[in-house]
Amino acid sequence: MQYRHVVVLVVGFWAVMMASLVRRWLLEVRPEHIPGTYRSVLTPERQHYQSRMAIYLPGLKERAGYTETVFRYTPDRRYEITNTTRVQKLVPGELAKLGRFALDSVVVVNRHYGLEEFSMTLSSPLVQGACSGRVVGDALVVRTTLQGAEEQVHRLPLPAGGLVVGGLSPLLGLPPLRVGQRWAAAVLNPLTLAPEQVEIEVKREESLEWGGETWETHVVEIRSGLLTAYAWVSPNGEVLKERTAFGLTLVKERVLEEDARPTGRRAASTKSQAPTPKQVPNPNRQ
């Protein structure tokens, strides 16, 4: 009988402690630290943020193009996220249907971190197209035109967090991550210009060679149907490297302020961005 009382006391103690820890964690997690939302992307330190990733083809060391993302805060306290992607070489696999291509997208977010509208254009020798979307109530209304065909209209549920991404990657700036986190995002497929939902999960921690140093990163898995991509993200939310679902490899570049031309013009206060994650010594480096 006494043994049972001890067991009950121990179990009760641990139950109370765990409940207290969970409650404390939920109260301490700030909204800007919850991934998959515009609030987590558009933090104060990312005002006029710029990130450029070099694009490499499978098995080749020569740079095939770039994808560049810029966040701008407008005078009326709205936010614009622009992405410019340029690929100057023929890409193998599914993207070969586009040939060399250019993707341009703009996402507009209101002062309450809610998606308002977005647009995306595709230009290549083989395919021309455009799409636009607007939030109407709790739905996303998307209009798409490819090759001058009749406009297609889709009405979709607004994704959790309202996050819609154009370009080759669903990952914008990220909050601090931990293993086990999961979220979803809507990505505009560059082949169809239609939104597709992808599932994202932080799988593990791993060291990565970048910029001549070793960096501690979180490995993020991105699933879209049967396709899987991986990204290596620094502790401060910078994507240092990504292997996309289309077989391309993206590697973050250090960009000088005067090199920022995401939409044909440069914001006067655009800041040069370089990740500042924790560096660790590499015992295997010669």
Foldseek 3Di string as FASTA:
>chain_A
DVVVVVVVVVVVVVVVVVVVVVVVVVVPDDPLQAPPALSVQPDPVQAQNKWKWFKDAPPDPDTQWIKMWTWHQDPQRKIKIKIKTWGNAQHDDPCNQQGTKIKIKIWIAHNVRATAKMKMWIDGPRKTKIKMWGDDPQWIWMWIDIPNDDIDIDIGGQFVNNAEDEDQDSAHFHAFDDAFRKGKHWYQDNVGRDTFIKIKGFHAWDWDDDPNFIAIWTWMWIDGPPFIKIFTAARHRDTQWIQTSRRMIIGIDFDDQVPDQRPNDHDPPNHTDDDDHDTDHDPPDD
